[in-house]
Amino acid sequence: MPDKIPTAAELYGKGIFTTVAILAGRPFLWEKHWRRIVANAEVVSVDLSAHGESATLDSLVKEISDRGIINCRARITFSDASPSSIWASVGEKKTGLSIIVAERRPVPANFKLTISPHRVNTTSPLVGIKSCNYLEHLLVNEEATKQGFNEAIRLNERDEIASACMANVFWETDGKLFTPSLKTGCLPGTTREYVLENVECEEVEASIEELKEADRIFLTSAGIGIVTVAYCNERRLDISEHRLPGLFSGSN
């Protein structure tokens, strides 16, 4: 048996994370992020008993201060640092905490969106969970990037609009705002929740045809804020003033 058994996080990506927008040196929508962390940790069986909310927030604020960036983004990751039970019969149970602070993600002025052929599986045990098993999202996003787009919309197995690879999606048609319901398998994003609390919006299970006929399309996440899409495939969209709540643009 080797001296060091790899952890469940190293072998299988067992962990959860969230990306927080940092505005004027403070975490934006922190309560929403922590609530989702706790809920996701229970689903993935990541023990948070050694990491309380106050201590985690203090660590985050310190990391922001140490970096000296007041408007940025931070990723908080809780990983299962215990030896994998498949490879070791004994081992100390513990959870690792990692915090990364970086500049905001740049967002192009003419944001281009496409439709991905790769589906979201609503029967997956990880649907709606922000787990460290994020490779599928990255691969789909990289495929869109290679085709000259900035993001891609994903449908579920029922041909319903679910989300973008790394963001939630909203669209406006005839003055009405829509977003996929959680039944579609979309992530319950904190920025999505913020929009729903501040603007009248209908949560729906809709086909891609509704998005193709929309007047405007928006993507939301803690990493990019609220972004107005300029192109959906080759179709030019309205990028004029909208009624969504104001947030920074550029920087999950």
Protein backbone atom coordinates (compact mmCIF):
# COMPACT_ATOMS: atom_id res chain seq x y z
CA MET A 1 0.00 0.00 0.00
CA PRO A 2 1.43 3.46 -0.90
CA ASP A 3 2.30 5.87 1.90
CA LYS A 4 -0.23 8.40 0.73
CA ILE A 5 -3.63 7.38 -0.56
CA PRO A 6 -5.09 9.98 -2.94
CA THR A 7 -8.14 11.78 -1.60
CA ALA A 8 -11.68 11.44 -2.89
CA ALA A 9 -11.34 14.97 -4.25
CA GLU A 10 -8.17 14.12 -6.18
CA LEU A 11 -9.50 10.86 -7.58
CA TYR A 12 -13.13 11.72 -8.27
CA GLY A 13 -13.54 15.48 -7.93
CA LYS A 14 -15.61 15.02 -4.78
CA GLY A 15 -16.24 18.55 -3.65
CA ILE A 16 -18.33 21.64 -4.17
CA PHE A 17 -17.55 25.24 -5.03
CA THR A 18 -19.05 28.63 -5.59
CA THR A 19 -17.79 31.73 -7.34
CA VAL A 20 -18.57 35.00 -5.56
CA ALA A 21 -18.58 38.48 -7.05
CA ILE A 22 -16.52 40.88 -4.93
CA LEU A 23 -17.80 44.46 -5.06
CA ALA A 24 -15.95 47.23 -3.20
CA GLY A 25 -14.04 44.59 -1.27
CA ARG A 26 -17.13 42.75 0.00
CA PRO A 27 -18.72 39.45 -1.17
CA PHE A 28 -21.93 40.12 -3.09
CA LEU A 29 -24.97 37.95 -2.24
CA TRP A 30 -22.94 36.09 0.38
CA GLU A 31 -25.99 34.68 2.22
CA LYS A 32 -27.26 33.11 -1.00
CA HIS A 33 -23.87 31.58 -1.73
CA TRP A 34 -23.53 30.11 1.76
CA ARG A 35 -27.05 28.69 1.68
CA ARG A 36 -26.26 26.91 -1.59
CA ILE A 37 -22.90 25.68 -0.26
CA VAL A 38 -24.64 24.05 2.70
CA ALA A 39 -27.35 22.47 0.53
CA ASN A 40 -24.84 21.19 -2.05
CA ALA A 41 -22.51 19.83 0.63
CA GLU A 42 -25.32 17.70 2.01
CA VAL A 43 -26.06 16.20 -1.40
CA VAL A 44 -22.40 15.44 -2.18
CA SER A 45 -21.64 14.32 1.41
CA VAL A 46 -18.96 16.91 2.08
CA ASP A 47 -18.64 17.55 5.81
CA LEU A 48 -18.69 21.27 6.66
CA SER A 49 -18.61 20.83 10.45
CA ALA A 50 -15.06 22.21 10.69
CA HIS A 51 -15.87 25.19 8.46
CA GLY A 52 -18.55 27.53 9.80
CA GLU A 53 -20.03 30.42 7.86
CA SER A 54 -18.33 33.15 9.91
CA ALA A 55 -14.89 31.53 9.73
CA THR A 56 -15.23 30.96 5.97
CA LEU A 57 -16.32 34.55 5.41
CA ASP A 58 -13.42 35.85 7.52
CA SER A 59 -10.98 33.76 5.46
CA LEU A 60 -12.49 35.10 2.24
CA VAL A 61 -12.30 38.74 3.37
CA LYS A 62 -8.67 38.25 4.45
CA GLU A 63 -7.76 36.75 1.08
CA ILE A 64 -9.40 39.69 -0.69
CA SER A 65 -7.50 42.13 1.52
CA ASP A 66 -4.20 40.31 0.96
CA ARG A 67 -4.66 40.48 -2.81
CA GLY A 68 -5.56 44.16 -2.67
CA ILE A 69 -8.27 43.91 -5.34
CA ILE A 70 -11.58 45.47 -4.31
CA ASN A 71 -13.64 44.59 -7.41
CA CYS A 72 -12.94 41.02 -8.44
CA ARG A 73 -14.16 37.43 -8.08
CA ALA A 74 -13.40 34.64 -5.65
CA ARG A 75 -13.81 30.89 -5.84
CA ILE A 76 -14.49 29.01 -2.61
CA THR A 77 -13.98 25.25 -2.80
CA PHE A 78 -14.74 22.63 -0.17
CA SER A 79 -13.17 19.28 -1.10
CA ASP A 80 -13.26 15.84 0.48
CA ALA A 81 -9.67 15.56 1.69
CA SER A 82 -10.25 12.10 3.18
CA PRO A 83 -8.49 9.07 1.68
CA SER A 84 -10.74 7.40 -0.86
CA SER A 85 -12.66 4.53 0.73
CA ILE A 86 -12.22 2.57 -2.51
CA TRP A 87 -8.44 2.64 -2.09
CA ALA A 88 -8.06 2.72 1.69
CA SER A 89 -9.94 0.96 4.48
CA VAL A 90 -8.99 3.56 7.09
CA GLY A 91 -8.15 7.24 7.11
CA GLU A 92 -8.96 10.51 8.81
CA LYS A 93 -12.14 12.17 7.62
CA LYS A 94 -11.51 15.80 6.76
CA THR A 95 -12.60 18.57 4.43
CA GLY A 96 -10.26 20.98 2.69
CA LEU A 97 -11.02 24.66 2.04
CA SER A 98 -9.49 26.58 -0.84
CA ILE A 99 -10.08 30.25 -1.70
CA ILE A 100 -8.84 31.83 -4.93
CA VAL A 101 -9.17 35.55 -5.68
CA ALA A 102 -8.68 36.91 -9.19
CA GLU A 103 -9.59 39.76 -11.50
CA ARG A 104 -13.02 39.67 -13.13
CA ARG A 105 -13.48 37.66 -16.30
CA PRO A 106 -13.37 39.88 -19.39
CA VAL A 107 -16.62 40.00 -21.33
CA PRO A 108 -16.60 40.99 -25.03
CA ALA A 109 -18.84 43.85 -26.15
CA ASN A 110 -20.45 41.73 -28.88
CA PHE A 111 -21.14 38.58 -26.90
CA LYS A 112 -21.82 35.60 -29.19
CA LEU A 113 -23.99 32.64 -28.19
CA THR A 114 -24.58 29.31 -29.90
CA ILE A 115 -26.62 26.16 -29.23
CA SER A 116 -24.75 23.10 -27.99
CA PRO A 117 -25.70 19.55 -29.10
CA HIS A 118 -24.66 18.22 -25.67
CA ARG A 119 -27.58 17.74 -23.30
CA VAL A 120 -28.13 18.34 -19.60
CA ASN A 121 -29.30 15.14 -17.88
CA THR A 122 -32.07 16.00 -15.41
CA THR A 123 -31.83 12.52 -13.84
CA SER A 124 -28.18 12.99 -12.83
CA PRO A 125 -27.56 13.04 -9.05
CA LEU A 126 -25.43 16.15 -9.67
CA VAL A 127 -28.07 18.15 -11.54
CA GLY A 128 -28.39 21.59 -10.00
CA ILE A 129 -25.27 21.02 -7.86
CA LYS A 130 -22.15 23.16 -8.23
CA SER A 131 -19.75 20.27 -7.77
CA CYS A 132 -16.07 20.04 -8.62
CA ASN A 133 -17.03 17.61 -11.41
CA TYR A 134 -17.06 20.52 -13.87
CA LEU A 135 -15.18 19.01 -16.79
CA GLU A 136 -18.31 18.45 -18.89
CA HIS A 137 -19.21 22.14 -18.62
CA LEU A 138 -15.68 23.15 -19.60
CA LEU A 139 -15.52 20.79 -22.58
CA VAL A 140 -18.83 22.06 -23.96
CA ASN A 141 -17.73 25.65 -23.46
CA GLU A 142 -14.36 25.04 -25.12
CA GLU A 143 -16.11 23.50 -28.11
CA ALA A 144 -18.20 26.65 -28.50
CA THR A 145 -15.08 28.82 -28.17
CA LYS A 146 -13.32 26.90 -30.93
CA GLN A 147 -16.30 27.69 -33.16
CA GLY A 148 -15.94 31.41 -32.48
CA PHE A 149 -18.61 31.81 -29.79
CA ASN A 150 -18.35 33.00 -26.19
CA GLU A 151 -20.89 30.60 -24.65
CA ALA A 152 -23.41 27.90 -25.58
CA ILE A 153 -26.98 27.15 -24.59
CA ARG A 154 -27.64 23.59 -23.44
CA LEU A 155 -30.96 21.77 -23.69
CA ASN A 156 -32.02 18.87 -21.50
CA GLU A 157 -33.09 15.42 -22.67
CA ARG A 158 -36.66 16.75 -23.10
CA ASP A 159 -35.45 19.44 -25.56
CA GLU A 160 -36.09 22.18 -23.01
CA ILE A 161 -33.76 25.17 -22.56
CA ALA A 162 -31.71 24.58 -19.40
CA SER A 163 -28.82 27.02 -19.18
CA ALA A 164 -25.56 28.11 -20.71
CA CYS A 165 -22.41 26.12 -19.93
CA MET A 166 -21.32 28.40 -17.09
CA ALA A 167 -24.27 30.79 -16.65
CA ASN A 168 -28.02 31.01 -16.33
CA VAL A 169 -30.07 32.33 -19.23
CA PHE A 170 -32.95 34.82 -19.45
CA TRP A 171 -34.76 36.08 -22.52
CA GLU A 172 -37.27 38.81 -23.32
CA THR A 173 -40.10 38.46 -25.84
CA ASP A 174 -42.73 41.15 -26.41
CA GLY A 175 -41.72 42.89 -23.20
CA LYS A 176 -42.00 39.76 -21.02
CA LEU A 177 -39.01 38.18 -19.29
CA PHE A 178 -38.50 34.40 -19.06
CA THR A 179 -35.97 31.98 -17.59
CA PRO A 180 -35.83 28.17 -17.39
CA SER A 181 -37.39 26.71 -14.26
CA LEU A 182 -35.31 24.52 -11.97
CA LYS A 183 -37.24 21.52 -13.38
CA THR A 184 -35.13 21.86 -16.55
CA GLY A 185 -31.94 20.96 -14.70
CA CYS A 186 -30.50 24.47 -14.61
CA LEU A 187 -28.27 25.51 -11.75
CA PRO A 188 -30.01 27.62 -9.07
CA GLY A 189 -27.58 30.48 -9.58
CA THR A 190 -27.26 33.22 -6.99
CA THR A 191 -27.42 35.97 -9.65
CA ARG A 192 -30.43 34.22 -11.18
CA GLU A 193 -32.12 34.32 -7.78
CA TYR A 194 -31.23 38.00 -7.40
CA VAL A 195 -32.85 38.83 -10.75
CA LEU A 196 -36.01 36.89 -9.87
CA GLU A 197 -36.29 38.82 -6.61
CA ASN A 198 -36.04 42.19 -8.36
CA VAL A 199 -37.78 41.83 -11.74
CA GLU A 200 -41.04 40.27 -12.84
CA CYS A 201 -40.06 37.08 -14.64
CA GLU A 202 -41.77 33.81 -15.55
CA GLU A 203 -39.96 30.51 -14.91
CA VAL A 204 -40.79 28.15 -17.77
CA GLU A 205 -40.04 24.87 -19.49
CA ALA A 206 -39.49 26.12 -23.03
CA SER A 207 -38.19 24.81 -26.34
CA ILE A 208 -35.23 26.29 -28.17
CA GLU A 209 -37.64 27.90 -30.64
CA GLU A 210 -38.66 30.38 -27.95
CA LEU A 211 -35.06 31.47 -27.52
CA LYS A 212 -34.55 31.72 -31.27
CA GLU A 213 -37.52 34.09 -31.47
CA ALA A 214 -36.59 36.20 -28.42
CA ASP A 215 -35.99 39.92 -28.77
CA ARG A 216 -33.20 39.91 -26.18
CA ILE A 217 -31.13 37.25 -24.41
CA PHE A 218 -29.17 37.68 -21.17
CA LEU A 219 -26.69 35.48 -19.34
CA THR A 220 -26.14 35.78 -15.60
CA SER A 221 -23.55 34.49 -13.16
CA ALA A 222 -21.41 35.75 -10.31
CA GLY A 223 -18.45 35.75 -12.67
CA ILE A 224 -19.91 37.86 -15.47
CA GLY A 225 -22.79 39.67 -13.77
CA ILE A 226 -25.60 40.30 -16.26
CA VAL A 227 -24.48 40.17 -19.90
CA THR A 228 -26.61 41.14 -22.87
CA VAL A 229 -26.08 38.75 -25.79
CA ALA A 230 -25.39 40.46 -29.12
CA TYR A 231 -25.59 37.39 -31.38
CA CYS A 232 -27.36 34.03 -31.12
CA ASN A 233 -25.63 32.07 -33.86
CA GLU A 234 -25.82 34.52 -36.78
CA ARG A 235 -28.90 36.43 -35.58
CA ARG A 236 -28.31 39.95 -34.28
CA LEU A 237 -30.18 40.76 -31.05
CA ASP A 238 -31.35 43.96 -29.39
CA ILE A 239 -28.64 45.13 -26.96
CA SER A 240 -30.25 48.44 -26.02
CA GLU A 241 -31.16 49.42 -22.45
CA HIS A 242 -33.03 46.76 -20.46
CA ARG A 243 -34.86 46.59 -17.13
CA LEU A 244 -32.75 43.96 -15.40
CA PRO A 245 -31.17 45.12 -12.11
CA GLY A 246 -27.83 46.80 -12.58
CA LEU A 247 -24.73 44.72 -11.90
CA PHE A 248 -21.12 44.87 -12.93
CA SER A 249 -20.32 43.54 -16.38
CA GLY A 250 -17.23 41.46 -16.85
CA SER A 251 -15.50 39.07 -14.58
CA ASN A 252 -18.62 32.56 -12.12
